[in-house]
Amino acid sequence: MYLHLGNSFSVNGDNVIGIFDFENTTVSKRGRGFLPGAEKKGQIINASEDLPKSFVVTAENGETRVYISSISTQTLYKRTKFDNSEEFI
């Protein structure tokens, strides 16, 4: 299963660690530190040209990536609920 994040970005659903609300996560001290730390490590990928609403953390082959998306966490979560006959969400 692949999860479409916006524009031409999709990730393998098996690699998704979490889907986070951009605004709510950046309220806490730990949340505010996460994104700048990921940016310093070169882990941020901007999957949107619009205002960010969420970010998706993935891990594959020991590498962490953080995708910034303009799609809400609710919509992304709904896209993870799929019928096993579907290959692309």
C-alpha atoms as a PDB file:
ATOM      1  CA  MET A   1       0.000   0.000   0.000  1.00  0.00           C
ATOM      2  CA  TYR A   2       1.208   3.486  -0.818  1.00  0.00           C
ATOM      3  CA  LEU A   3       0.066   6.650   0.926  1.00  0.00           C
ATOM      4  CA  HIS A   4      -0.310   9.745  -1.255  1.00  0.00           C
ATOM      5  CA  LEU A   5       0.952  12.851   0.608  1.00  0.00           C
ATOM      6  CA  GLY A   6       0.208  15.518  -1.990  1.00  0.00           C
ATOM      7  CA  ASN A   7       1.688  16.735  -5.255  1.00  0.00           C
ATOM      8  CA  SER A   8       3.632  13.792  -6.651  1.00  0.00           C
ATOM      9  CA  PHE A   9       4.749  12.368  -3.294  1.00  0.00           C
ATOM     10  CA  SER A  10       3.778   8.915  -2.070  1.00  0.00           C
ATOM     11  CA  VAL A  11       5.348   6.711   0.576  1.00  0.00           C
ATOM     12  CA  ASN A  12       5.163   3.026   1.309  1.00  0.00           C
ATOM     13  CA  GLY A  13       2.572   2.644   4.062  1.00  0.00           C
ATOM     14  CA  ASP A  14       4.648  -0.062   5.744  1.00  0.00           C
ATOM     15  CA  ASN A  15       7.377   2.536   6.389  1.00  0.00           C
ATOM     16  CA  VAL A  16       5.115   5.084   8.108  1.00  0.00           C
ATOM     17  CA  ILE A  17       5.970   5.574  11.778  1.00  0.00           C
ATOM     18  CA  GLY A  18       3.434   8.307  12.434  1.00  0.00           C
ATOM     19  CA  ILE A  19       1.179  10.997  11.034  1.00  0.00           C
ATOM     20  CA  PHE A  20       1.250  14.219  13.047  1.00  0.00           C
ATOM     21  CA  ASP A  21      -0.775  17.416  13.063  1.00  0.00           C
ATOM     22  CA  PHE A  22       1.626  20.254  12.253  1.00  0.00           C
ATOM     23  CA  GLU A  23       0.021  22.920  14.431  1.00  0.00           C
ATOM     24  CA  ASN A  24      -0.674  20.795  17.515  1.00  0.00           C
ATOM     25  CA  THR A  25       2.700  19.076  17.535  1.00  0.00           C
ATOM     26  CA  THR A  26       4.676  22.290  17.364  1.00  0.00           C
ATOM     27  CA  VAL A  27       2.961  23.595  20.525  1.00  0.00           C
ATOM     28  CA  SER A  28       4.982  21.401  22.883  1.00  0.00           C
ATOM     29  CA  LYS A  29       8.665  22.004  23.596  1.00  0.00           C
ATOM     30  CA  ARG A  30       9.625  18.539  22.352  1.00  0.00           C
ATOM     31  CA  GLY A  31       7.526  18.946  19.206  1.00  0.00           C
ATOM     32  CA  ARG A  32       9.060  22.345  18.436  1.00  0.00           C
ATOM     33  CA  GLY A  33      12.516  20.785  18.636  1.00  0.00           C
ATOM     34  CA  PHE A  34      11.752  17.794  16.427  1.00  0.00           C
ATOM     35  CA  LEU A  35      11.291  19.531  13.080  1.00  0.00           C
ATOM     36  CA  PRO A  36      14.360  21.825  13.327  1.00  0.00           C
ATOM     37  CA  GLY A  37      16.441  18.805  14.360  1.00  0.00           C
ATOM     38  CA  ALA A  38      15.181  16.803  11.390  1.00  0.00           C
ATOM     39  CA  GLU A  39      15.908  19.753   9.109  1.00  0.00           C
ATOM     40  CA  LYS A  40      19.506  19.995  10.355  1.00  0.00           C
ATOM     41  CA  LYS A  41      19.937  16.282   9.588  1.00  0.00           C
ATOM     42  CA  GLY A  42      18.545  16.756   6.073  1.00  0.00           C
ATOM     43  CA  GLN A  43      15.529  14.556   6.764  1.00  0.00           C
ATOM     44  CA  ILE A  44      12.811  17.039   5.745  1.00  0.00           C
ATOM     45  CA  ILE A  45      11.050  16.633   2.398  1.00  0.00           C
ATOM     46  CA  ASN A  46       8.453  19.239   1.509  1.00  0.00           C
ATOM     47  CA  ALA A  47       5.582  17.455  -0.253  1.00  0.00           C
ATOM     48  CA  SER A  48       3.525  20.624  -0.481  1.00  0.00           C
ATOM     49  CA  GLU A  49       3.592  24.094  -1.909  1.00  0.00           C
ATOM     50  CA  ASP A  50       0.723  25.184   0.373  1.00  0.00           C
ATOM     51  CA  LEU A  51       0.564  25.790   4.122  1.00  0.00           C
ATOM     52  CA  PRO A  52       1.599  22.677   6.036  1.00  0.00           C
ATOM     53  CA  LYS A  53      -1.131  20.839   7.917  1.00  0.00           C
ATOM     54  CA  SER A  54       0.675  17.646   8.821  1.00  0.00           C
ATOM     55  CA  PHE A  55       3.928  15.776   8.689  1.00  0.00           C
ATOM     56  CA  VAL A  56       4.552  12.092   8.159  1.00  0.00           C
ATOM     57  CA  VAL A  57       7.563  10.351   9.670  1.00  0.00           C
ATOM     58  CA  THR A  58       8.891   7.305   7.826  1.00  0.00           C
ATOM     59  CA  ALA A  59      11.787   4.920   8.329  1.00  0.00           C
ATOM     60  CA  GLU A  60      13.320   2.734   5.651  1.00  0.00           C
ATOM     61  CA  ASN A  61      16.678   0.969   5.677  1.00  0.00           C
ATOM     62  CA  GLY A  62      17.661   2.816   8.849  1.00  0.00           C
ATOM     63  CA  GLU A  63      16.913   6.247   7.363  1.00  0.00           C
ATOM     64  CA  THR A  64      14.291   8.568   8.821  1.00  0.00           C
ATOM     65  CA  ARG A  65      12.424  10.972   6.559  1.00  0.00           C
ATOM     66  CA  VAL A  66       9.909  13.648   7.506  1.00  0.00           C
ATOM     67  CA  TYR A  67       7.426  14.621   4.799  1.00  0.00           C
ATOM     68  CA  ILE A  68       5.644  17.959   5.222  1.00  0.00           C
ATOM     69  CA  SER A  69       2.139  17.811   3.718  1.00  0.00           C
ATOM     70  CA  SER A  70      -0.754  20.204   3.152  1.00  0.00           C
ATOM     71  CA  ILE A  71      -3.193  17.316   3.639  1.00  0.00           C
ATOM     72  CA  SER A  72      -4.823  17.059   7.070  1.00  0.00           C
ATOM     73  CA  THR A  73      -3.980  14.259   9.463  1.00  0.00           C
ATOM     74  CA  GLN A  74      -7.593  13.063   9.320  1.00  0.00           C
ATOM     75  CA  THR A  75      -7.490  12.685   5.533  1.00  0.00           C
ATOM     76  CA  LEU A  76      -4.118  10.938   5.611  1.00  0.00           C
ATOM     77  CA  TYR A  77      -5.363   8.592   8.319  1.00  0.00           C
ATOM     78  CA  LYS A  78      -8.480   7.767   6.279  1.00  0.00           C
ATOM     79  CA  ARG A  79      -6.230   6.970   3.331  1.00  0.00           C
ATOM     80  CA  THR A  80      -4.456   4.345   5.439  1.00  0.00           C
ATOM     81  CA  LYS A  81      -7.756   2.487   5.919  1.00  0.00           C
ATOM     82  CA  PHE A  82      -8.003   0.405   2.776  1.00  0.00           C
ATOM     83  CA  ASP A  83      -9.391  -2.770   1.342  1.00  0.00           C
ATOM     84  CA  ASN A  84      -6.641  -5.358   0.812  1.00  0.00           C
ATOM     85  CA  SER A  85      -7.493  -5.464  -2.901  1.00  0.00           C
ATOM     86  CA  GLU A  86      -6.316  -1.847  -3.341  1.00  0.00           C
ATOM     87  CA  GLU A  87      -2.672  -1.100  -4.028  1.00  0.00           C
ATOM     88  CA  PHE A  88      -2.681   2.700  -4.098  1.00  0.00           C
ATOM     89  CA  ILE A  89      -4.466   5.099  -1.795  1.00  0.00           C
END
